[in-house]
Amino acid sequence: MQINFQQLRTILKSSGMPVYRDSEPTSAVYPYIVYEFVNEIHKRTSSKVIKSMPLYQIAVITNGTEADYEPLKKALNEFNVSYSQFEGYPYDENDSTITQFITNVRCVNG
């Protein structure tokens, strides 16, 4: 299903996790979602842009396991949103191992 940016935000929030754009506050409690704008493509007719299609990277940040992104996956599936496969990237934060589980969603505006 094609969704716009506002619908994406609503769906992310329906996962029950805190949602932040670009970065989280230092007081954020795991797990939480951070989304970022990645790029935008255009659908054109006669050299005129008729639709903008921004891509957003969505990361579930957790000190847990892949089970922590299941609420987001469930919300995306419930609304029939097309998303890329999740990939996990571990890193250290304050001497703790943290994982980002990342997917991408393309929106349609216009």
PDB file of N, CA and C in Angstrom:
ATOM      1  N   MET A   1       0.838  -1.179   0.000  1.00  0.00           N
ATOM      2  CA  MET A   1       0.000   0.000   0.000  1.00  0.00           C
ATOM      3  C   MET A   1       0.884   1.243   0.000  1.00  0.00           C
ATOM      4  N   GLN A   2       0.531   2.214  -0.803  1.00  0.00           N
ATOM      5  CA  GLN A   2       1.255   3.475  -0.810  1.00  0.00           C
ATOM      6  C   GLN A   2       0.767   4.335   0.342  1.00  0.00           C
ATOM      7  N   ILE A   3       1.730   4.923   1.060  1.00  0.00           N
ATOM      8  CA  ILE A   3       1.384   5.781   2.187  1.00  0.00           C
ATOM      9  C   ILE A   3       2.151   7.086   2.059  1.00  0.00           C
ATOM     10  N   ASN A   4       1.627   8.121   2.691  1.00  0.00           N
ATOM     11  CA  ASN A   4       2.357   9.385   2.719  1.00  0.00           C
ATOM     12  C   ASN A   4       3.125   9.481   4.038  1.00  0.00           C
ATOM     13  N   PHE A   5       3.875  10.558   4.185  1.00  0.00           N
ATOM     14  CA  PHE A   5       4.735  10.727   5.352  1.00  0.00           C
ATOM     15  C   PHE A   5       3.941  10.746   6.660  1.00  0.00           C
ATOM     16  N   GLN A   6       2.829  11.463   6.697  1.00  0.00           N
ATOM     17  CA  GLN A   6       2.037  11.523   7.934  1.00  0.00           C
ATOM     18  C   GLN A   6       1.478  10.156   8.313  1.00  0.00           C
ATOM     19  N   GLN A   7       1.066   9.388   7.319  1.00  0.00           N
ATOM     20  CA  GLN A   7       0.590   8.029   7.595  1.00  0.00           C
ATOM     21  C   GLN A   7       1.728   7.171   8.150  1.00  0.00           C
ATOM     22  N   LEU A   8       2.934   7.328   7.591  1.00  0.00           N
ATOM     23  CA  LEU A   8       4.083   6.580   8.094  1.00  0.00           C
ATOM     24  C   LEU A   8       4.317   6.888   9.565  1.00  0.00           C
ATOM     25  N   ARG A   9       4.311   8.149   9.932  1.00  0.00           N
ATOM     26  CA  ARG A   9       4.518   8.531  11.342  1.00  0.00           C
ATOM     27  C   ARG A   9       3.457   7.902  12.249  1.00  0.00           C
ATOM     28  N   THR A  10       2.209   7.930  11.805  1.00  0.00           N
ATOM     29  CA  THR A  10       1.118   7.345  12.588  1.00  0.00           C
ATOM     30  C   THR A  10       1.324   5.842  12.767  1.00  0.00           C
ATOM     31  N   ILE A  11       1.743   5.156  11.705  1.00  0.00           N
ATOM     32  CA  ILE A  11       1.972   3.713  11.767  1.00  0.00           C
ATOM     33  C   ILE A  11       3.141   3.402  12.693  1.00  0.00           C
ATOM     34  N   LEU A  12       4.227   4.190  12.601  1.00  0.00           N
ATOM     35  CA  LEU A  12       5.364   3.972  13.491  1.00  0.00           C
ATOM     36  C   LEU A  12       4.938   4.100  14.948  1.00  0.00           C
ATOM     37  N   LYS A  13       4.152   5.120  15.252  1.00  0.00           N
ATOM     38  CA  LYS A  13       3.686   5.332  16.624  1.00  0.00           C
ATOM     39  C   LYS A  13       2.756   4.217  17.090  1.00  0.00           C
ATOM     40  N   SER A  14       2.021   3.604  16.156  1.00  0.00           N
ATOM     41  CA  SER A  14       1.096   2.531  16.533  1.00  0.00           C
ATOM     42  C   SER A  14       1.835   1.274  16.993  1.00  0.00           C
ATOM     43  N   SER A  15       3.148   1.218  16.780  1.00  0.00           N
ATOM     44  CA  SER A  15       3.930   0.067  17.233  1.00  0.00           C
ATOM     45  C   SER A  15       4.041   0.031  18.758  1.00  0.00           C
ATOM     46  N   GLY A  16       3.765   1.174  19.411  1.00  0.00           N
ATOM     47  CA  GLY A  16       3.856   1.251  20.861  1.00  0.00           C
ATOM     48  C   GLY A  16       5.227   1.671  21.365  1.00  0.00           C
ATOM     49  N   MET A  17       6.194   1.792  20.464  1.00  0.00           N
ATOM     50  CA  MET A  17       7.535   2.234  20.858  1.00  0.00           C
ATOM     51  C   MET A  17       7.647   3.748  20.695  1.00  0.00           C
ATOM     52  N   PRO A  18       8.503   4.392  21.481  1.00  0.00           N
ATOM     53  CA  PRO A  18       8.759   5.819  21.268  1.00  0.00           C
ATOM     54  C   PRO A  18       9.356   6.025  19.874  1.00  0.00           C
ATOM     55  N   VAL A  19       8.991   7.135  19.223  1.00  0.00           N
ATOM     56  CA  VAL A  19       9.430   7.422  17.857  1.00  0.00           C
ATOM     57  C   VAL A  19      10.101   8.787  17.823  1.00  0.00           C
ATOM     58  N   TYR A  20      11.297   8.830  17.196  1.00  0.00           N
ATOM     59  CA  TYR A  20      12.059  10.076  17.085  1.00  0.00           C
ATOM     60  C   TYR A  20      12.527  10.265  15.646  1.00  0.00           C
ATOM     61  N   ARG A  21      12.647  11.524  15.249  1.00  0.00           N
ATOM     62  CA  ARG A  21      13.187  11.819  13.925  1.00  0.00           C
ATOM     63  C   ARG A  21      14.650  12.211  14.062  1.00  0.00           C
ATOM     64  N   ASP A  22      15.523  11.586  13.286  1.00  0.00           N
ATOM     65  CA  ASP A  22      16.958  11.868  13.160  1.00  0.00           C
ATOM     66  C   ASP A  22      17.794  11.466  14.366  1.00  0.00           C
ATOM     67  N   SER A  23      17.380  11.751  15.578  1.00  0.00           N
ATOM     68  CA  SER A  23      18.148  11.319  16.750  1.00  0.00           C
ATOM     69  C   SER A  23      17.230  11.266  17.965  1.00  0.00           C
ATOM     70  N   GLU A  24      17.666  10.525  18.936  1.00  0.00           N
ATOM     71  CA  GLU A  24      16.874  10.341  20.151  1.00  0.00           C
ATOM     72  C   GLU A  24      17.431  11.211  21.270  1.00  0.00           C
ATOM     73  N   PRO A  25      16.601  11.545  22.252  1.00  0.00           N
ATOM     74  CA  PRO A  25      17.125  12.273  23.415  1.00  0.00           C
ATOM     75  C   PRO A  25      17.980  11.336  24.270  1.00  0.00           C
ATOM     76  N   THR A  26      18.843  11.880  25.074  1.00  0.00           N
ATOM     77  CA  THR A  26      19.694  11.049  25.936  1.00  0.00           C
ATOM     78  C   THR A  26      18.881  10.256  26.955  1.00  0.00           C
ATOM     79  N   SER A  27      17.654  10.680  27.188  1.00  0.00           N
ATOM     80  CA  SER A  27      16.795   9.981  28.158  1.00  0.00           C
ATOM     81  C   SER A  27      15.990   8.835  27.542  1.00  0.00           C
ATOM     82  N   ALA A  28      16.167   8.567  26.244  1.00  0.00           N
ATOM     83  CA  ALA A  28      15.395   7.520  25.568  1.00  0.00           C
ATOM     84  C   ALA A  28      15.664   6.148  26.194  1.00  0.00           C
ATOM     85  N   VAL A  29      14.593   5.361  26.316  1.00  0.00           N
ATOM     86  CA  VAL A  29      14.668   4.020  26.899  1.00  0.00           C
ATOM     87  C   VAL A  29      14.481   3.000  25.785  1.00  0.00           C
ATOM     88  N   TYR A  30      15.337   1.973  25.744  1.00  0.00           N
ATOM     89  CA  TYR A  30      15.260   0.927  24.709  1.00  0.00           C
ATOM     90  C   TYR A  30      14.020   0.080  24.891  1.00  0.00           C
ATOM     91  N   PRO A  31      13.469  -0.468  23.832  1.00  0.00           N
ATOM     92  CA  PRO A  31      13.738  -0.152  22.433  1.00  0.00           C
ATOM     93  C   PRO A  31      12.964   1.092  22.000  1.00  0.00           C
ATOM     94  N   TYR A  32      13.469   1.747  20.968  1.00  0.00           N
ATOM     95  CA  TYR A  32      12.789   2.903  20.395  1.00  0.00           C
ATOM     96  C   TYR A  32      13.071   2.959  18.905  1.00  0.00           C
ATOM     97  N   ILE A  33      12.309   3.786  18.205  1.00  0.00           N
ATOM     98  CA  ILE A  33      12.431   3.921  16.753  1.00  0.00           C
ATOM     99  C   ILE A  33      13.008   5.284  16.419  1.00  0.00           C
ATOM    100  N   VAL A  34      13.960   5.290  15.484  1.00  0.00           N
ATOM    101  CA  VAL A  34      14.480   6.534  14.919  1.00  0.00           C
ATOM    102  C   VAL A  34      14.319   6.426  13.406  1.00  0.00           C
ATOM    103  N   TYR A  35      13.721   7.447  12.788  1.00  0.00           N
ATOM    104  CA  TYR A  35      13.596   7.436  11.330  1.00  0.00           C
ATOM    105  C   TYR A  35      14.306   8.651  10.761  1.00  0.00           C
ATOM    106  N   GLU A  36      14.813   8.469   9.523  1.00  0.00           N
ATOM    107  CA  GLU A  36      15.567   9.522   8.850  1.00  0.00           C
ATOM    108  C   GLU A  36      15.225   9.541   7.369  1.00  0.00           C
ATOM    109  N   PHE A  37      15.214  10.725   6.798  1.00  0.00           N
ATOM    110  CA  PHE A  37      15.060  10.889   5.355  1.00  0.00           C
ATOM    111  C   PHE A  37      16.334  10.406   4.677  1.00  0.00           C
ATOM    112  N   VAL A  38      16.192   9.609   3.601  1.00  0.00           N
ATOM    113  CA  VAL A  38      17.352   9.084   2.871  1.00  0.00           C
ATOM    114  C   VAL A  38      17.493   9.751   1.514  1.00  0.00           C
ATOM    115  N   ASN A  39      16.433   9.705   0.702  1.00  0.00           N
ATOM    116  CA  ASN A  39      16.469  10.305  -0.633  1.00  0.00           C
ATOM    117  C   ASN A  39      15.048  10.470  -1.146  1.00  0.00           C
ATOM    118  N   GLU A  40      14.940  10.977  -2.360  1.00  0.00           N
ATOM    119  CA  GLU A  40      13.625  11.187  -2.963  1.00  0.00           C
ATOM    120  C   GLU A  40      13.738  10.959  -4.457  1.00  0.00           C
ATOM    121  N   ILE A  41      12.780  10.244  -5.009  1.00  0.00           N
ATOM    122  CA  ILE A  41      12.687  10.116  -6.456  1.00  0.00           C
ATOM    123  C   ILE A  41      11.388  10.779  -6.895  1.00  0.00           C
ATOM    124  N   HIS A  42      11.289  11.065  -8.183  1.00  0.00           N
ATOM    125  CA  HIS A  42      10.109  11.755  -8.714  1.00  0.00           C
ATOM    126  C   HIS A  42       9.462  10.948  -9.825  1.00  0.00           C
ATOM    127  N   LYS A  43       8.172  10.971  -9.853  1.00  0.00           N
ATOM    128  CA  LYS A  43       7.376  10.426 -10.956  1.00  0.00           C
ATOM    129  C   LYS A  43       7.022  11.621 -11.816  1.00  0.00           C
ATOM    130  N   ARG A  44       7.346  11.557 -13.097  1.00  0.00           N
ATOM    131  CA  ARG A  44       7.158  12.708 -13.994  1.00  0.00           C
ATOM    132  C   ARG A  44       6.249  12.370 -15.166  1.00  0.00           C
ATOM    133  N   THR A  45       5.575  13.394 -15.624  1.00  0.00           N
ATOM    134  CA  THR A  45       4.807  13.353 -16.848  1.00  0.00           C
ATOM    135  C   THR A  45       5.110  14.642 -17.595  1.00  0.00           C
ATOM    136  N   SER A  46       5.561  14.514 -18.833  1.00  0.00           N
ATOM    137  CA  SER A  46       5.905  15.692 -19.648  1.00  0.00           C
ATOM    138  C   SER A  46       6.844  16.630 -18.891  1.00  0.00           C
ATOM    139  N   SER A  47       7.849  16.063 -18.273  1.00  0.00           N
ATOM    140  CA  SER A  47       8.870  16.804 -17.516  1.00  0.00           C
ATOM    141  C   SER A  47       8.333  17.512 -16.281  1.00  0.00           C
ATOM    142  N   LYS A  48       7.099  17.241 -15.916  1.00  0.00           N
ATOM    143  CA  LYS A  48       6.522  17.838 -14.721  1.00  0.00           C
ATOM    144  C   LYS A  48       6.447  16.775 -13.620  1.00  0.00           C
ATOM    145  N   VAL A  49       6.870  17.141 -12.420  1.00  0.00           N
ATOM    146  CA  VAL A  49       6.799  16.217 -11.287  1.00  0.00           C
ATOM    147  C   VAL A  49       5.349  16.084 -10.849  1.00  0.00           C
ATOM    148  N   ILE A  50       4.842  14.858 -10.894  1.00  0.00           N
ATOM    149  CA  ILE A  50       3.462  14.637 -10.450  1.00  0.00           C
ATOM    150  C   ILE A  50       3.411  13.954  -9.080  1.00  0.00           C
ATOM    151  N   LYS A  51       4.514  13.282  -8.703  1.00  0.00           N
ATOM    152  CA  LYS A  51       4.592  12.658  -7.385  1.00  0.00           C
ATOM    153  C   LYS A  51       6.030  12.695  -6.898  1.00  0.00           C
ATOM    154  N   SER A  52       6.189  13.024  -5.629  1.00  0.00           N
ATOM    155  CA  SER A  52       7.473  12.904  -4.949  1.00  0.00           C
ATOM    156  C   SER A  52       7.405  11.640  -4.112  1.00  0.00           C
ATOM    157  N   MET A  53       8.485  10.885  -4.125  1.00  0.00           N
ATOM    158  CA  MET A  53       8.489   9.607  -3.415  1.00  0.00           C
ATOM    159  C   MET A  53       9.720   9.528  -2.499  1.00  0.00           C
ATOM    160  N   PRO A  54       9.610  10.099  -1.284  1.00  0.00           N
ATOM    161  CA  PRO A  54      10.734  10.068  -0.354  1.00  0.00           C
ATOM    162  C   PRO A  54      10.926   8.686   0.277  1.00  0.00           C
ATOM    163  N   LEU A  55      12.198   8.350   0.521  1.00  0.00           N
ATOM    164  CA  LEU A  55      12.563   7.100   1.174  1.00  0.00           C
ATOM    165  C   LEU A  55      13.019   7.421   2.587  1.00  0.00           C
ATOM    166  N   TYR A  56      12.516   6.667   3.565  1.00  0.00           N
ATOM    167  CA  TYR A  56      12.891   6.845   4.963  1.00  0.00           C
ATOM    168  C   TYR A  56      13.536   5.576   5.491  1.00  0.00           C
ATOM    169  N   GLN A  57      14.649   5.754   6.184  1.00  0.00           N
ATOM    170  CA  GLN A  57      15.281   4.650   6.905  1.00  0.00           C
ATOM    171  C   GLN A  57      14.682   4.618   8.299  1.00  0.00           C
ATOM    172  N   ILE A  58      14.267   3.443   8.720  1.00  0.00           N
ATOM    173  CA  ILE A  58      13.646   3.280  10.027  1.00  0.00           C
ATOM    174  C   ILE A  58      14.485   2.283  10.813  1.00  0.00           C
ATOM    175  N   ALA A  59      14.930   2.702  11.997  1.00  0.00           N
ATOM    176  CA  ALA A  59      15.766   1.838  12.830  1.00  0.00           C
ATOM    177  C   ALA A  59      15.110   1.610  14.182  1.00  0.00           C
ATOM    178  N   VAL A  60      15.068   0.359  14.590  1.00  0.00           N
ATOM    179  CA  VAL A  60      14.693   0.024  15.958  1.00  0.00           C
ATOM    180  C   VAL A  60      16.006  -0.125  16.708  1.00  0.00           C
ATOM    181  N   ILE A  61      16.221   0.739  17.686  1.00  0.00           N
ATOM    182  CA  ILE A  61      17.441   0.728  18.485  1.00  0.00           C
ATOM    183  C   ILE A  61      17.141  -0.023  19.777  1.00  0.00           C
ATOM    184  N   THR A  62      17.968  -1.040  20.078  1.00  0.00           N
ATOM    185  CA  THR A  62      17.682  -1.880  21.241  1.00  0.00           C
ATOM    186  C   THR A  62      18.948  -2.457  21.853  1.00  0.00           C
ATOM    187  N   ASN A  63      18.867  -2.801  23.102  1.00  0.00           N
ATOM    188  CA  ASN A  63      19.934  -3.570  23.734  1.00  0.00           C
ATOM    189  C   ASN A  63      19.483  -5.022  23.871  1.00  0.00           C
ATOM    190  N   GLY A  64      18.411  -5.365  23.160  1.00  0.00           N
ATOM    191  CA  GLY A  64      17.846  -6.714  23.180  1.00  0.00           C
ATOM    192  C   GLY A  64      18.136  -7.466  21.896  1.00  0.00           C
ATOM    193  N   THR A  65      17.151  -8.214  21.439  1.00  0.00           N
ATOM    194  CA  THR A  65      17.309  -9.087  20.272  1.00  0.00           C
ATOM    195  C   THR A  65      16.358  -8.668  19.156  1.00  0.00           C
ATOM    196  N   GLU A  66      16.386  -9.464  18.085  1.00  0.00           N
ATOM    197  CA  GLU A  66      15.511  -9.181  16.943  1.00  0.00           C
ATOM    198  C   GLU A  66      14.033  -9.244  17.312  1.00  0.00           C
ATOM    199  N   ALA A  67      13.684  -9.849  18.415  1.00  0.00           N
ATOM    200  CA  ALA A  67      12.288  -9.862  18.861  1.00  0.00           C
ATOM    201  C   ALA A  67      11.789  -8.442  19.135  1.00  0.00           C
ATOM    202  N   ASP A  68      12.702  -7.518  19.407  1.00  0.00           N
ATOM    203  CA  ASP A  68      12.308  -6.141  19.723  1.00  0.00           C
ATOM    204  C   ASP A  68      11.775  -5.370  18.525  1.00  0.00           C
ATOM    205  N   TYR A  69      12.045  -5.824  17.296  1.00  0.00           N
ATOM    206  CA  TYR A  69      11.463  -5.109  16.150  1.00  0.00           C
ATOM    207  C   TYR A  69      10.142  -5.719  15.686  1.00  0.00           C
ATOM    208  N   GLU A  70       9.703  -6.775  16.335  1.00  0.00           N
ATOM    209  CA  GLU A  70       8.435  -7.408  15.952  1.00  0.00           C
ATOM    210  C   GLU A  70       7.229  -6.460  16.046  1.00  0.00           C
ATOM    211  N   PRO A  71       7.118  -5.588  17.073  1.00  0.00           N
ATOM    212  CA  PRO A  71       5.981  -4.664  17.106  1.00  0.00           C
ATOM    213  C   PRO A  71       5.943  -3.726  15.890  1.00  0.00           C
ATOM    214  N   LEU A  72       7.108  -3.300  15.417  1.00  0.00           N
ATOM    215  CA  LEU A  72       7.146  -2.446  14.222  1.00  0.00           C
ATOM    216  C   LEU A  72       6.739  -3.245  12.995  1.00  0.00           C
ATOM    217  N   LYS A  73       7.278  -4.437  12.861  1.00  0.00           N
ATOM    218  CA  LYS A  73       6.920  -5.298  11.722  1.00  0.00           C
ATOM    219  C   LYS A  73       5.423  -5.577  11.710  1.00  0.00           C
ATOM    220  N   LYS A  74       4.869  -5.837  12.872  1.00  0.00           N
ATOM    221  CA  LYS A  74       3.429  -6.104  12.982  1.00  0.00           C
ATOM    222  C   LYS A  74       2.619  -4.879  12.535  1.00  0.00           C
ATOM    223  N   ALA A  75       3.031  -3.684  12.963  1.00  0.00           N
ATOM    224  CA  ALA A  75       2.318  -2.457  12.575  1.00  0.00           C
ATOM    225  C   ALA A  75       2.409  -2.228  11.068  1.00  0.00           C
ATOM    226  N   LEU A  76       3.590  -2.402  10.486  1.00  0.00           N
ATOM    227  CA  LEU A  76       3.742  -2.216   9.041  1.00  0.00           C
ATOM    228  C   LEU A  76       2.894  -3.222   8.274  1.00  0.00           C
ATOM    229  N   ASN A  77       2.897  -4.473   8.714  1.00  0.00           N
ATOM    230  CA  ASN A  77       2.106  -5.510   8.045  1.00  0.00           C
ATOM    231  C   ASN A  77       0.607  -5.264   8.197  1.00  0.00           C
ATOM    232  N   GLU A  78       0.203  -4.782   9.359  1.00  0.00           N
ATOM    233  CA  GLU A  78      -1.221  -4.514   9.607  1.00  0.00           C
ATOM    234  C   GLU A  78      -1.769  -3.489   8.620  1.00  0.00           C
ATOM    235  N   PHE A  79      -0.937  -2.522   8.239  1.00  0.00           N
ATOM    236  CA  PHE A  79      -1.353  -1.480   7.301  1.00  0.00           C
ATOM    237  C   PHE A  79      -0.898  -1.766   5.876  1.00  0.00           C
ATOM    238  N   ASN A  80      -0.415  -2.995   5.620  1.00  0.00           N
ATOM    239  CA  ASN A  80       0.019  -3.426   4.290  1.00  0.00           C
ATOM    240  C   ASN A  80       1.083  -2.519   3.680  1.00  0.00           C
ATOM    241  N   VAL A  81       2.015  -2.064   4.515  1.00  0.00           N
ATOM    242  CA  VAL A  81       3.086  -1.194   4.064  1.00  0.00           C
ATOM    243  C   VAL A  81       4.235  -2.051   3.532  1.00  0.00           C
ATOM    244  N   SER A  82       4.715  -1.707   2.357  1.00  0.00           N
ATOM    245  CA  SER A  82       5.867  -2.396   1.780  1.00  0.00           C
ATOM    246  C   SER A  82       7.139  -1.850   2.421  1.00  0.00           C
ATOM    247  N   TYR A  83       7.999  -2.757   2.894  1.00  0.00           N
ATOM    248  CA  TYR A  83       9.253  -2.347   3.527  1.00  0.00           C
ATOM    249  C   TYR A  83      10.345  -3.331   3.136  1.00  0.00           C
ATOM    250  N   SER A  84      11.595  -2.870   3.206  1.00  0.00           N
ATOM    251  CA  SER A  84      12.723  -3.735   2.880  1.00  0.00           C
ATOM    252  C   SER A  84      13.005  -4.680   4.044  1.00  0.00           C
ATOM    253  N   GLN A  85      13.817  -5.699   3.781  1.00  0.00           N
ATOM    254  CA  GLN A  85      14.165  -6.639   4.853  1.00  0.00           C
ATOM    255  C   GLN A  85      14.893  -5.908   5.971  1.00  0.00           C
ATOM    256  N   PHE A  86      14.726  -6.395   7.185  1.00  0.00           N
ATOM    257  CA  PHE A  86      15.436  -5.818   8.326  1.00  0.00           C
ATOM    258  C   PHE A  86      16.869  -6.340   8.339  1.00  0.00           C
ATOM    259  N   GLU A  87      17.796  -5.452   8.671  1.00  0.00           N
ATOM    260  CA  GLU A  87      19.191  -5.828   8.834  1.00  0.00           C
ATOM    261  C   GLU A  87      19.660  -5.323  10.190  1.00  0.00           C
ATOM    262  N   GLY A  88      20.463  -6.134  10.879  1.00  0.00           N
ATOM    263  CA  GLY A  88      20.945  -5.763  12.198  1.00  0.00           C
ATOM    264  C   GLY A  88      22.391  -5.306  12.156  1.00  0.00           C
ATOM    265  N   TYR A  89      22.683  -4.207  12.866  1.00  0.00           N
ATOM    266  CA  TYR A  89      24.027  -3.661  12.953  1.00  0.00           C
ATOM    267  C   TYR A  89      24.365  -3.394  14.421  1.00  0.00           C
ATOM    268  N   PRO A  90      25.231  -4.214  15.013  1.00  0.00           N
ATOM    269  CA  PRO A  90      25.611  -3.979  16.415  1.00  0.00           C
ATOM    270  C   PRO A  90      26.665  -2.881  16.531  1.00  0.00           C
ATOM    271  N   TYR A  91      26.666  -2.189  17.647  1.00  0.00           N
ATOM    272  CA  TYR A  91      27.698  -1.211  17.961  1.00  0.00           C
ATOM    273  C   TYR A  91      27.753  -1.035  19.466  1.00  0.00           C
ATOM    274  N   ASP A  92      28.804  -0.395  19.941  1.00  0.00           N
ATOM    275  CA  ASP A  92      28.970  -0.175  21.384  1.00  0.00           C
ATOM    276  C   ASP A  92      28.506   1.216  21.754  1.00  0.00           C
ATOM    277  N   GLU A  93      27.789   1.298  22.856  1.00  0.00           N
ATOM    278  CA  GLU A  93      27.338   2.573  23.384  1.00  0.00           C
ATOM    279  C   GLU A  93      27.479   2.503  24.897  1.00  0.00           C
ATOM    280  N   ASN A  94      28.337   3.331  25.459  1.00  0.00           N
ATOM    281  CA  ASN A  94      28.574   3.341  26.907  1.00  0.00           C
ATOM    282  C   ASN A  94      28.903   1.944  27.443  1.00  0.00           C
ATOM    283  N   ASP A  95      29.786   1.258  26.731  1.00  0.00           N
ATOM    284  CA  ASP A  95      30.251  -0.087  27.109  1.00  0.00           C
ATOM    285  C   ASP A  95      29.155  -1.148  27.070  1.00  0.00           C
ATOM    286  N   SER A  96      28.063  -0.875  26.383  1.00  0.00           N
ATOM    287  CA  SER A  96      27.005  -1.863  26.195  1.00  0.00           C
ATOM    288  C   SER A  96      26.855  -2.138  24.703  1.00  0.00           C
ATOM    289  N   THR A  97      26.489  -3.365  24.359  1.00  0.00           N
ATOM    290  CA  THR A  97      26.244  -3.684  22.955  1.00  0.00           C
ATOM    291  C   THR A  97      24.812  -3.315  22.611  1.00  0.00           C
ATOM    292  N   ILE A  98      24.688  -2.456  21.635  1.00  0.00           N
ATOM    293  CA  ILE A  98      23.394  -1.977  21.161  1.00  0.00           C
ATOM    294  C   ILE A  98      23.237  -2.442  19.712  1.00  0.00           C
ATOM    295  N   THR A  99      22.029  -2.715  19.291  1.00  0.00           N
ATOM    296  CA  THR A  99      21.790  -3.129  17.918  1.00  0.00           C
ATOM    297  C   THR A  99      20.764  -2.220  17.270  1.00  0.00           C
ATOM    298  N   GLN A 100      21.035  -1.861  16.013  1.00  0.00           N
ATOM    299  CA  GLN A 100      20.063  -1.158  15.180  1.00  0.00           C
ATOM    300  C   GLN A 100      19.494  -2.181  14.209  1.00  0.00           C
ATOM    301  N   PHE A 101      18.197  -2.354  14.210  1.00  0.00           N
ATOM    302  CA  PHE A 101      17.541  -3.180  13.209  1.00  0.00           C
ATOM    303  C   PHE A 101      16.903  -2.212  12.221  1.00  0.00           C
ATOM    304  N   ILE A 102      17.409  -2.221  10.990  1.00  0.00           N
ATOM    305  CA  ILE A 102      17.071  -1.180  10.023  1.00  0.00           C
ATOM    306  C   ILE A 102      16.259  -1.733   8.861  1.00  0.00           C
ATOM    307  N   THR A 103      15.238  -0.961   8.448  1.00  0.00           N
ATOM    308  CA  THR A 103      14.461  -1.221   7.242  1.00  0.00           C
ATOM    309  C   THR A 103      14.251   0.121   6.546  1.00  0.00           C
ATOM    310  N   ASN A 104      13.702   0.070   5.329  1.00  0.00           N
ATOM    311  CA  ASN A 104      13.398   1.287   4.563  1.00  0.00           C
ATOM    312  C   ASN A 104      11.970   1.239   4.071  1.00  0.00           C
ATOM    313  N   VAL A 105      11.328   2.421   4.052  1.00  0.00           N
ATOM    314  CA  VAL A 105       9.960   2.549   3.538  1.00  0.00           C
ATOM    315  C   VAL A 105       9.920   3.745   2.590  1.00  0.00           C
ATOM    316  N   ARG A 106       9.362   3.526   1.405  1.00  0.00           N
ATOM    317  CA  ARG A 106       9.193   4.619   0.438  1.00  0.00           C
ATOM    318  C   ARG A 106       7.761   5.134   0.552  1.00  0.00           C
ATOM    319  N   CYS A 107       7.634   6.443   0.692  1.00  0.00           N
ATOM    320  CA  CYS A 107       6.325   7.099   0.768  1.00  0.00           C
ATOM    321  C   CYS A 107       5.971   7.693  -0.601  1.00  0.00           C
ATOM    322  N   VAL A 108       4.745   8.119  -0.736  1.00  0.00           N
ATOM    323  CA  VAL A 108       4.299   8.787  -1.964  1.00  0.00           C
ATOM    324  C   VAL A 108       3.567  10.063  -1.564  1.00  0.00           C
ATOM    325  N   ASN A 109       4.026  11.180  -2.076  1.00  0.00           N
ATOM    326  CA  ASN A 109       3.385  12.467  -1.833  1.00  0.00           C
ATOM    327  C   ASN A 109       2.960  13.063  -3.172  1.00  0.00           C
ATOM    328  N   GLY A 110       1.777  13.590  -3.182  1.00  0.00           N
ATOM    329  CA  GLY A 110       1.308  14.233  -4.412  1.00  0.00           C
ATOM    330  C   GLY A 110       0.158  13.517  -5.036  1.00  0.00           C
TER     331      GLY A 110
END
